Structure formats: structure tokens, C-alpha cells
């Protein structure tokens, strides 16, 4: 069964549960970052990105003098809660970037994703990513794909720091401004209804990606068009404005 979405100039991709398995993130990447938070804080504490994230942790917990041990404890608690806190995602991204660069990690994509991305890219559709994971993590993820560097397919990367929370319509409006593509010609793919609702409120087109076995599968995708794989999404009817 095909879900036709005509007149699309840009596709914005969620990662976890959409292009890639949540299980890989939870079972591989989360433990990898948990085991390295302490070392990162000790080794790169003066790095501007690390220092900024630590400051954000202290602000969020109302403890301006929290030491590295307390910060690490908070990060691990947020990890257990799967909290989409920006400083957590920043520090995870730095750790994962190092892991991908060393070859410790290789990113995961569902088998239907890369052929679709290549097809859409070749057809002149701009591809972007909007994930709760940091831009650094996204860049590392696409650079260390199972078939090599996939970054040439991607035109832009957005996260909760440079765009805003994923369930707020204003975040999608900010991305529209950055893309320079009309909201009505932008398609968002995600497995979460709250994100799809926010994107639609901002004027975007939406398709809910509902993959069996993913945590949000049973929740459905509300009244959004649905696809269970990228090869069910038909953008071939794209026309000139």
C-alpha cells in the first residue's frame, strides 16, 4: 500500500523509531554514553560545549555549584527516564561522535530507508534531520552509516537547541525559516503523534511512520497518513510550483 504525498520539496526526518531502531539507541548507544560520562567531564571539562552543557545541567537542577560527580548522577538519572534534556543530548552526542570516529560504533538504519533517501535526493528533494539527539550526534550518525558516509545526502541538521522542543509548533516554524521552503511543501516523517501534530500546526505535511516492534507502534499516528516503511511513501508525483 502506498501513501502518496505530492508537491514536496523538502523532507525532514526523525531518527529514532523512524529511520532507525529505537532498540539500537537504547541497547547500544545509551550504555555506551553512560559508561563514558565521567571520563568526558574529567577529560574535556574546559571544552566550551562540555562547559555549556554542564552549566545547563546545574541550571536545570537548581544547583549552580554541583560538582562533576553530581552532574554525572543527574545525567544517568535523565538517561534512565529517557528525558529529552538538551545538555544530556549534547554530552551524549560528543561521546557518540568519538565512538563513531574510532570505529567503536556503526549507526543503524532500517533496510528500506537508504534506498528511499537516495531516490528522493536524486529526484531533487532536499533532505533534513530533526531529532532530539544533538546536531553533533546526528552528524556522527550519518557519517558512520552501514554503507559509509551518508552526510552528502543530508542538507541540514536540527535539534532541540537550534530549533526547539519537538512537540512545539514554533520549532517547526523556525526550521521553515531556515530551510527557505514553504511549509506546505515540507514533509515531516516521525513515529510520534505529538511531533506530527506540532508539525502540521506549523503548516507542514506529515506522514506517521509506524513500524511493528517500535515503542510507539501501539499508539498509532492519530489522523495523520501512515506508512510502515519508507518504500510505502510515494513522492514521485512532485510537481513544479
C-alpha atoms as a PDB file:
ATOM      1  CA  UNK A   1       0.000   0.000   0.000  1.00  0.00           C
ATOM      2  CA  UNK A   2       1.394   3.391  -0.995  1.00  0.00           C
ATOM      3  CA  UNK A   3       0.969   6.756   0.720  1.00  0.00           C
ATOM      4  CA  UNK A   4       1.153   9.457  -1.955  1.00  0.00           C
ATOM      5  CA  UNK A   5       2.434  12.870  -0.915  1.00  0.00           C
ATOM      6  CA  UNK A   6       2.588  15.195  -3.955  1.00  0.00           C
ATOM      7  CA  UNK A   7       4.311  18.569  -4.284  1.00  0.00           C
ATOM      8  CA  UNK A   8       7.100  18.064  -1.737  1.00  0.00           C
ATOM      9  CA  UNK A   9      10.374  19.989  -1.985  1.00  0.00           C
ATOM     10  CA  UNK A  10      11.890  19.041   1.394  1.00  0.00           C
ATOM     11  CA  UNK A  11      11.668  16.005   3.673  1.00  0.00           C
ATOM     12  CA  UNK A  12      12.550  16.345   7.360  1.00  0.00           C
ATOM     13  CA  UNK A  13      13.402  13.086   9.121  1.00  0.00           C
ATOM     14  CA  UNK A  14      13.089  11.968  12.697  1.00  0.00           C
ATOM     15  CA  UNK A  15      15.672   9.289  13.532  1.00  0.00           C
ATOM     16  CA  UNK A  16      14.719   7.092  16.489  1.00  0.00           C
ATOM     17  CA  UNK A  17      11.782   4.878  15.584  1.00  0.00           C
ATOM     18  CA  UNK A  18      11.578   6.368  12.089  1.00  0.00           C
ATOM     19  CA  UNK A  19      14.790   5.851  10.134  1.00  0.00           C
ATOM     20  CA  UNK A  20      16.379   3.671  12.782  1.00  0.00           C
ATOM     21  CA  UNK A  21      15.516   1.191  15.511  1.00  0.00           C
ATOM     22  CA  UNK A  22      14.856   2.569  18.981  1.00  0.00           C
ATOM     23  CA  UNK A  23      16.323  -0.658  20.330  1.00  0.00           C
ATOM     24  CA  UNK A  24      19.717   0.177  18.861  1.00  0.00           C
ATOM     25  CA  UNK A  25      19.721   3.575  20.562  1.00  0.00           C
ATOM     26  CA  UNK A  26      18.559   2.217  23.909  1.00  0.00           C
ATOM     27  CA  UNK A  27      20.572  -1.012  23.963  1.00  0.00           C
ATOM     28  CA  UNK A  28      23.808   0.174  22.323  1.00  0.00           C
ATOM     29  CA  UNK A  29      24.193   3.949  22.401  1.00  0.00           C
ATOM     30  CA  UNK A  30      22.732   4.675  25.839  1.00  0.00           C
ATOM     31  CA  UNK A  31      25.016   2.217  27.699  1.00  0.00           C
ATOM     32  CA  UNK A  32      27.968   3.479  25.663  1.00  0.00           C
ATOM     33  CA  UNK A  33      27.368   7.048  26.805  1.00  0.00           C
ATOM     34  CA  UNK A  34      26.582   6.055  30.398  1.00  0.00           C
ATOM     35  CA  UNK A  35      29.958   4.362  30.758  1.00  0.00           C
ATOM     36  CA  UNK A  36      31.782   7.455  29.493  1.00  0.00           C
ATOM     37  CA  UNK A  37      30.071  10.478  31.078  1.00  0.00           C
ATOM     38  CA  UNK A  38      32.547  10.644  33.948  1.00  0.00           C
ATOM     39  CA  UNK A  39      35.592  10.416  31.710  1.00  0.00           C
ATOM     40  CA  UNK A  40      34.228  13.071  29.363  1.00  0.00           C
ATOM     41  CA  UNK A  41      33.574  15.512  32.216  1.00  0.00           C
ATOM     42  CA  UNK A  42      37.073  14.936  33.603  1.00  0.00           C
ATOM     43  CA  UNK A  43      38.925  14.981  30.277  1.00  0.00           C
ATOM     44  CA  UNK A  44      37.082  17.721  28.433  1.00  0.00           C
ATOM     45  CA  UNK A  45      35.658  19.837  31.236  1.00  0.00           C
ATOM     46  CA  UNK A  46      37.137  23.014  29.733  1.00  0.00           C
ATOM     47  CA  UNK A  47      35.772  22.309  26.260  1.00  0.00           C
ATOM     48  CA  UNK A  48      33.196  25.075  25.515  1.00  0.00           C
ATOM     49  CA  UNK A  49      30.485  22.586  24.512  1.00  0.00           C
ATOM     50  CA  UNK A  50      31.017  20.474  27.622  1.00  0.00           C
ATOM     51  CA  UNK A  51      31.193  23.501  29.910  1.00  0.00           C
ATOM     52  CA  UNK A  52      27.985  24.929  28.427  1.00  0.00           C
ATOM     53  CA  UNK A  53      26.152  21.620  28.864  1.00  0.00           C
ATOM     54  CA  UNK A  54      27.362  21.274  32.471  1.00  0.00           C
ATOM     55  CA  UNK A  55      26.139  24.797  33.156  1.00  0.00           C
ATOM     56  CA  UNK A  56      22.750  23.883  31.707  1.00  0.00           C
ATOM     57  CA  UNK A  57      22.553  20.789  33.926  1.00  0.00           C
ATOM     58  CA  UNK A  58      23.319  22.893  37.001  1.00  0.00           C
ATOM     59  CA  UNK A  59      20.678  25.426  35.993  1.00  0.00           C
ATOM     60  CA  UNK A  60      18.020  22.781  35.399  1.00  0.00           C
ATOM     61  CA  UNK A  61      18.568  21.162  38.800  1.00  0.00           C
ATOM     62  CA  UNK A  62      18.977  24.484  40.615  1.00  0.00           C
ATOM     63  CA  UNK A  63      22.465  23.625  41.870  1.00  0.00           C
ATOM     64  CA  UNK A  64      24.996  26.133  40.479  1.00  0.00           C
ATOM     65  CA  UNK A  65      27.864  24.542  42.417  1.00  0.00           C
ATOM     66  CA  UNK A  66      27.163  20.901  41.540  1.00  0.00           C
ATOM     67  CA  UNK A  67      30.423  19.012  41.041  1.00  0.00           C
ATOM     68  CA  UNK A  68      31.207  16.573  38.261  1.00  0.00           C
ATOM     69  CA  UNK A  69      30.021  13.577  40.293  1.00  0.00           C
ATOM     70  CA  UNK A  70      26.637  15.207  40.883  1.00  0.00           C
ATOM     71  CA  UNK A  71      26.347  16.167  37.206  1.00  0.00           C
ATOM     72  CA  UNK A  72      27.139  12.603  36.164  1.00  0.00           C
ATOM     73  CA  UNK A  73      24.496  11.286  38.583  1.00  0.00           C
ATOM     74  CA  UNK A  74      21.888  13.616  37.080  1.00  0.00           C
ATOM     75  CA  UNK A  75      22.827  12.605  33.532  1.00  0.00           C
ATOM     76  CA  UNK A  76      22.389   8.934  34.385  1.00  0.00           C
ATOM     77  CA  UNK A  77      19.003   9.624  36.013  1.00  0.00           C
ATOM     78  CA  UNK A  78      17.842  11.501  32.927  1.00  0.00           C
ATOM     79  CA  UNK A  79      19.107   8.648  30.792  1.00  0.00           C
ATOM     80  CA  UNK A  80      17.022   6.169  32.817  1.00  0.00           C
ATOM     81  CA  UNK A  81      13.983   8.433  32.318  1.00  0.00           C
ATOM     82  CA  UNK A  82      14.726   8.881  28.588  1.00  0.00           C
ATOM     83  CA  UNK A  83      14.448  12.596  29.240  1.00  0.00           C
ATOM     84  CA  UNK A  84      14.973  14.791  26.168  1.00  0.00           C
ATOM     85  CA  UNK A  85      17.125  17.298  28.046  1.00  0.00           C
ATOM     86  CA  UNK A  86      19.343  19.387  25.776  1.00  0.00           C
ATOM     87  CA  UNK A  87      22.538  19.126  27.893  1.00  0.00           C
ATOM     88  CA  UNK A  88      22.152  15.345  28.115  1.00  0.00           C
ATOM     89  CA  UNK A  89      21.795  15.135  24.341  1.00  0.00           C
ATOM     90  CA  UNK A  90      24.786  17.443  23.849  1.00  0.00           C
ATOM     91  CA  UNK A  91      27.077  15.308  26.000  1.00  0.00           C
ATOM     92  CA  UNK A  92      25.785  12.068  24.526  1.00  0.00           C
ATOM     93  CA  UNK A  93      26.460  13.497  21.083  1.00  0.00           C
ATOM     94  CA  UNK A  94      30.060  14.282  21.942  1.00  0.00           C
ATOM     95  CA  UNK A  95      30.616  10.784  23.306  1.00  0.00           C
ATOM     96  CA  UNK A  96      28.942   9.117  20.343  1.00  0.00           C
ATOM     97  CA  UNK A  97      30.904  11.271  17.906  1.00  0.00           C
ATOM     98  CA  UNK A  98      34.123   9.987  19.441  1.00  0.00           C
ATOM     99  CA  UNK A  99      32.819   6.407  19.328  1.00  0.00           C
ATOM    100  CA  UNK A 100      31.777   6.617  15.688  1.00  0.00           C
ATOM    101  CA  UNK A 101      35.090   8.256  14.755  1.00  0.00           C
ATOM    102  CA  UNK A 102      37.050   5.464  16.493  1.00  0.00           C
ATOM    103  CA  UNK A 103      35.004   2.782  14.793  1.00  0.00           C
ATOM    104  CA  UNK A 104      33.501   1.570  18.069  1.00  0.00           C
ATOM    105  CA  UNK A 105      30.030   2.308  16.705  1.00  0.00           C
ATOM    106  CA  UNK A 106      28.241   1.977  13.377  1.00  0.00           C
ATOM    107  CA  UNK A 107      24.812   3.550  13.005  1.00  0.00           C
ATOM    108  CA  UNK A 108      21.639   1.608  12.249  1.00  0.00           C
ATOM    109  CA  UNK A 109      19.072   2.266   9.516  1.00  0.00           C
ATOM    110  CA  UNK A 110      16.065   0.182   8.566  1.00  0.00           C
ATOM    111  CA  UNK A 111      16.709  -1.538   5.232  1.00  0.00           C
ATOM    112  CA  UNK A 112      14.003   0.466   3.425  1.00  0.00           C
ATOM    113  CA  UNK A 113      15.450   3.848   4.424  1.00  0.00           C
ATOM    114  CA  UNK A 114      18.672   4.352   2.467  1.00  0.00           C
ATOM    115  CA  UNK A 115      17.234   3.392  -0.949  1.00  0.00           C
ATOM    116  CA  UNK A 116      14.396   5.880  -0.379  1.00  0.00           C
ATOM    117  CA  UNK A 117      16.747   8.643   0.755  1.00  0.00           C
ATOM    118  CA  UNK A 118      18.955   8.136  -2.292  1.00  0.00           C
ATOM    119  CA  UNK A 119      15.927   8.108  -4.580  1.00  0.00           C
ATOM    120  CA  UNK A 120      14.485  11.306  -3.096  1.00  0.00           C
ATOM    121  CA  UNK A 121      17.865  13.031  -3.098  1.00  0.00           C
ATOM    122  CA  UNK A 122      18.438  12.106  -6.750  1.00  0.00           C
ATOM    123  CA  UNK A 123      14.989  13.485  -7.528  1.00  0.00           C
ATOM    124  CA  UNK A 124      15.926  16.907  -6.222  1.00  0.00           C
ATOM    125  CA  UNK A 125      14.177  16.715  -2.856  1.00  0.00           C
ATOM    126  CA  UNK A 126      16.175  18.296  -0.031  1.00  0.00           C
ATOM    127  CA  UNK A 127      16.667  16.018   2.985  1.00  0.00           C
ATOM    128  CA  UNK A 128      16.985  17.328   6.534  1.00  0.00           C
ATOM    129  CA  UNK A 129      17.045  15.788  10.007  1.00  0.00           C
ATOM    130  CA  UNK A 130      15.222  16.980  13.145  1.00  0.00           C
ATOM    131  CA  UNK A 131      15.983  14.841  16.164  1.00  0.00           C
ATOM    132  CA  UNK A 132      16.156  15.239  19.933  1.00  0.00           C
ATOM    133  CA  UNK A 133      19.718  13.961  19.603  1.00  0.00           C
ATOM    134  CA  UNK A 134      22.234  16.768  19.202  1.00  0.00           C
ATOM    135  CA  UNK A 135      23.454  18.009  15.827  1.00  0.00           C
ATOM    136  CA  UNK A 136      26.867  16.537  16.682  1.00  0.00           C
ATOM    137  CA  UNK A 137      25.269  13.136  17.272  1.00  0.00           C
ATOM    138  CA  UNK A 138      23.261  13.377  14.056  1.00  0.00           C
ATOM    139  CA  UNK A 139      26.349  14.280  12.042  1.00  0.00           C
ATOM    140  CA  UNK A 140      28.276  11.361  13.522  1.00  0.00           C
ATOM    141  CA  UNK A 141      25.311   9.029  12.959  1.00  0.00           C
ATOM    142  CA  UNK A 142      25.065   9.788   9.249  1.00  0.00           C
ATOM    143  CA  UNK A 143      28.832   9.859   8.756  1.00  0.00           C
ATOM    144  CA  UNK A 144      29.187   6.330  10.177  1.00  0.00           C
ATOM    145  CA  UNK A 145      26.393   4.620   8.273  1.00  0.00           C
ATOM    146  CA  UNK A 146      26.372   0.913   7.457  1.00  0.00           C
ATOM    147  CA  UNK A 147      27.221   1.800   3.831  1.00  0.00           C
ATOM    148  CA  UNK A 148      29.716   4.541   4.636  1.00  0.00           C
ATOM    149  CA  UNK A 149      29.356   8.312   4.899  1.00  0.00           C
ATOM    150  CA  UNK A 150      25.746   9.344   4.255  1.00  0.00           C
ATOM    151  CA  UNK A 151      26.171  13.043   5.044  1.00  0.00           C
ATOM    152  CA  UNK A 152      26.219  14.012   1.339  1.00  0.00           C
ATOM    153  CA  UNK A 153      22.523  13.057   1.277  1.00  0.00           C
ATOM    154  CA  UNK A 154      21.635  15.490   4.056  1.00  0.00           C
ATOM    155  CA  UNK A 155      21.213  19.235   3.612  1.00  0.00           C
ATOM    156  CA  UNK A 156      20.580  20.310   7.212  1.00  0.00           C
ATOM    157  CA  UNK A 157      20.524  19.085  10.816  1.00  0.00           C
ATOM    158  CA  UNK A 158      18.227  20.394  13.568  1.00  0.00           C
ATOM    159  CA  UNK A 159      17.893  19.566  17.249  1.00  0.00           C
ATOM    160  CA  UNK A 160      16.202  20.881  20.392  1.00  0.00           C
ATOM    161  CA  UNK A 161      18.915  23.524  20.799  1.00  0.00           C
ATOM    162  CA  UNK A 162      18.882  25.169  17.368  1.00  0.00           C
ATOM    163  CA  UNK A 163      15.169  24.588  16.636  1.00  0.00           C
ATOM    164  CA  UNK A 164      13.388  23.948  19.936  1.00  0.00           C
ATOM    165  CA  UNK A 165      11.261  21.182  21.503  1.00  0.00           C
ATOM    166  CA  UNK A 166       9.853  18.692  19.029  1.00  0.00           C
ATOM    167  CA  UNK A 167       6.258  18.930  20.235  1.00  0.00           C
ATOM    168  CA  UNK A 168       6.007  22.706  19.811  1.00  0.00           C
ATOM    169  CA  UNK A 169       4.801  24.186  16.512  1.00  0.00           C
ATOM    170  CA  UNK A 170       7.174  27.158  16.784  1.00  0.00           C
ATOM    171  CA  UNK A 171      10.129  24.779  16.425  1.00  0.00           C
ATOM    172  CA  UNK A 172       8.884  23.734  13.002  1.00  0.00           C
ATOM    173  CA  UNK A 173       8.283  27.359  12.051  1.00  0.00           C
ATOM    174  CA  UNK A 174      11.933  28.114  12.881  1.00  0.00           C
ATOM    175  CA  UNK A 175      13.051  25.266  10.646  1.00  0.00           C
ATOM    176  CA  UNK A 176      10.796  26.532   7.840  1.00  0.00           C
ATOM    177  CA  UNK A 177      12.543  29.903   8.042  1.00  0.00           C
ATOM    178  CA  UNK A 178      15.955  28.212   7.927  1.00  0.00           C
ATOM    179  CA  UNK A 179      15.003  25.948   5.014  1.00  0.00           C
ATOM    180  CA  UNK A 180      13.543  28.657   2.821  1.00  0.00           C
ATOM    181  CA  UNK A 181      10.967  26.109   1.648  1.00  0.00           C
ATOM    182  CA  UNK A 182       7.227  26.794   2.054  1.00  0.00           C
ATOM    183  CA  UNK A 183       5.733  24.922   4.993  1.00  0.00           C
ATOM    184  CA  UNK A 184       3.150  23.355   2.707  1.00  0.00           C
ATOM    185  CA  UNK A 185       5.891  21.798   0.557  1.00  0.00           C
ATOM    186  CA  UNK A 186       7.772  20.331   3.527  1.00  0.00           C
ATOM    187  CA  UNK A 187       7.103  16.739   4.672  1.00  0.00           C
ATOM    188  CA  UNK A 188       7.867  15.531   8.189  1.00  0.00           C
ATOM    189  CA  UNK A 189       8.325  11.820   8.965  1.00  0.00           C
ATOM    190  CA  UNK A 190       8.073  10.715  12.588  1.00  0.00           C
ATOM    191  CA  UNK A 191       6.700   7.919  14.742  1.00  0.00           C
ATOM    192  CA  UNK A 192       5.305  10.226  17.443  1.00  0.00           C
ATOM    193  CA  UNK A 193       1.856  11.760  17.190  1.00  0.00           C
ATOM    194  CA  UNK A 194       2.740  14.800  19.308  1.00  0.00           C
ATOM    195  CA  UNK A 195       5.546  15.719  16.914  1.00  0.00           C
ATOM    196  CA  UNK A 196       3.376  15.138  13.864  1.00  0.00           C
ATOM    197  CA  UNK A 197       0.629  17.307  15.359  1.00  0.00           C
ATOM    198  CA  UNK A 198       3.075  20.142  16.048  1.00  0.00           C
ATOM    199  CA  UNK A 199       4.491  19.965  12.517  1.00  0.00           C
ATOM    200  CA  UNK A 200       1.009  20.048  10.990  1.00  0.00           C
ATOM    201  CA  UNK A 201       0.065  23.034  13.145  1.00  0.00           C
ATOM    202  CA  UNK A 202       3.065  24.811  11.616  1.00  0.00           C
ATOM    203  CA  UNK A 203       1.687  24.052   8.157  1.00  0.00           C
ATOM    204  CA  UNK A 204       3.883  21.059   7.275  1.00  0.00           C
ATOM    205  CA  UNK A 205       2.767  17.887   5.530  1.00  0.00           C
ATOM    206  CA  UNK A 206       3.088  14.777   7.691  1.00  0.00           C
ATOM    207  CA  UNK A 207       3.326  11.006   7.468  1.00  0.00           C
ATOM    208  CA  UNK A 208       3.427   8.861  10.582  1.00  0.00           C
ATOM    209  CA  UNK A 209       5.953   6.048  10.282  1.00  0.00           C
ATOM    210  CA  UNK A 210       4.525   3.117  12.230  1.00  0.00           C
ATOM    211  CA  UNK A 211       6.953   0.227  12.415  1.00  0.00           C
ATOM    212  CA  UNK A 212       5.977  -3.025  14.176  1.00  0.00           C
ATOM    213  CA  UNK A 213       8.069  -3.543  17.280  1.00  0.00           C
ATOM    214  CA  UNK A 214       8.753   0.131  17.907  1.00  0.00           C
ATOM    215  CA  UNK A 215       7.648   1.584  21.289  1.00  0.00           C
ATOM    216  CA  UNK A 216       5.047   3.920  19.769  1.00  0.00           C
ATOM    217  CA  UNK A 217       3.567   1.370  17.365  1.00  0.00           C
ATOM    218  CA  UNK A 218       0.545   0.647  19.548  1.00  0.00           C
ATOM    219  CA  UNK A 219      -0.157   4.380  19.969  1.00  0.00           C
ATOM    220  CA  UNK A 220      -0.803   4.756  16.255  1.00  0.00           C
ATOM    221  CA  UNK A 221      -0.294   8.050  14.439  1.00  0.00           C
ATOM    222  CA  UNK A 222      -3.632   9.733  15.055  1.00  0.00           C
ATOM    223  CA  UNK A 223      -5.271  11.108  11.935  1.00  0.00           C
ATOM    224  CA  UNK A 224      -2.017  11.518  10.017  1.00  0.00           C
ATOM    225  CA  UNK A 225      -1.316   9.485   6.865  1.00  0.00           C
ATOM    226  CA  UNK A 226       0.508   6.296   7.834  1.00  0.00           C
ATOM    227  CA  UNK A 227       3.343   4.246   6.378  1.00  0.00           C
ATOM    228  CA  UNK A 228       5.112   1.230   7.827  1.00  0.00           C
ATOM    229  CA  UNK A 229       8.230   1.691   5.718  1.00  0.00           C
ATOM    230  CA  UNK A 230       9.781   4.378   3.565  1.00  0.00           C
ATOM    231  CA  UNK A 231       9.111   2.420   0.388  1.00  0.00           C
ATOM    232  CA  UNK A 232       5.398   2.978   1.042  1.00  0.00           C
ATOM    233  CA  UNK A 233       5.855   6.766   0.744  1.00  0.00           C
ATOM    234  CA  UNK A 234       5.406   7.936  -2.842  1.00  0.00           C
ATOM    235  CA  UNK A 235       6.882  11.362  -3.651  1.00  0.00           C
ATOM    236  CA  UNK A 236       7.086  10.685  -7.383  1.00  0.00           C
ATOM    237  CA  UNK A 237       4.149  12.994  -8.106  1.00  0.00           C
ATOM    238  CA  UNK A 238       6.174  16.043  -7.061  1.00  0.00           C
ATOM    239  CA  UNK A 239       5.410  18.977  -9.365  1.00  0.00           C
ATOM    240  CA  UNK A 240       6.931  22.369 -10.119  1.00  0.00           C
ATOM    241  CA  UNK A 241       5.487  25.238  -8.028  1.00  0.00           C
END
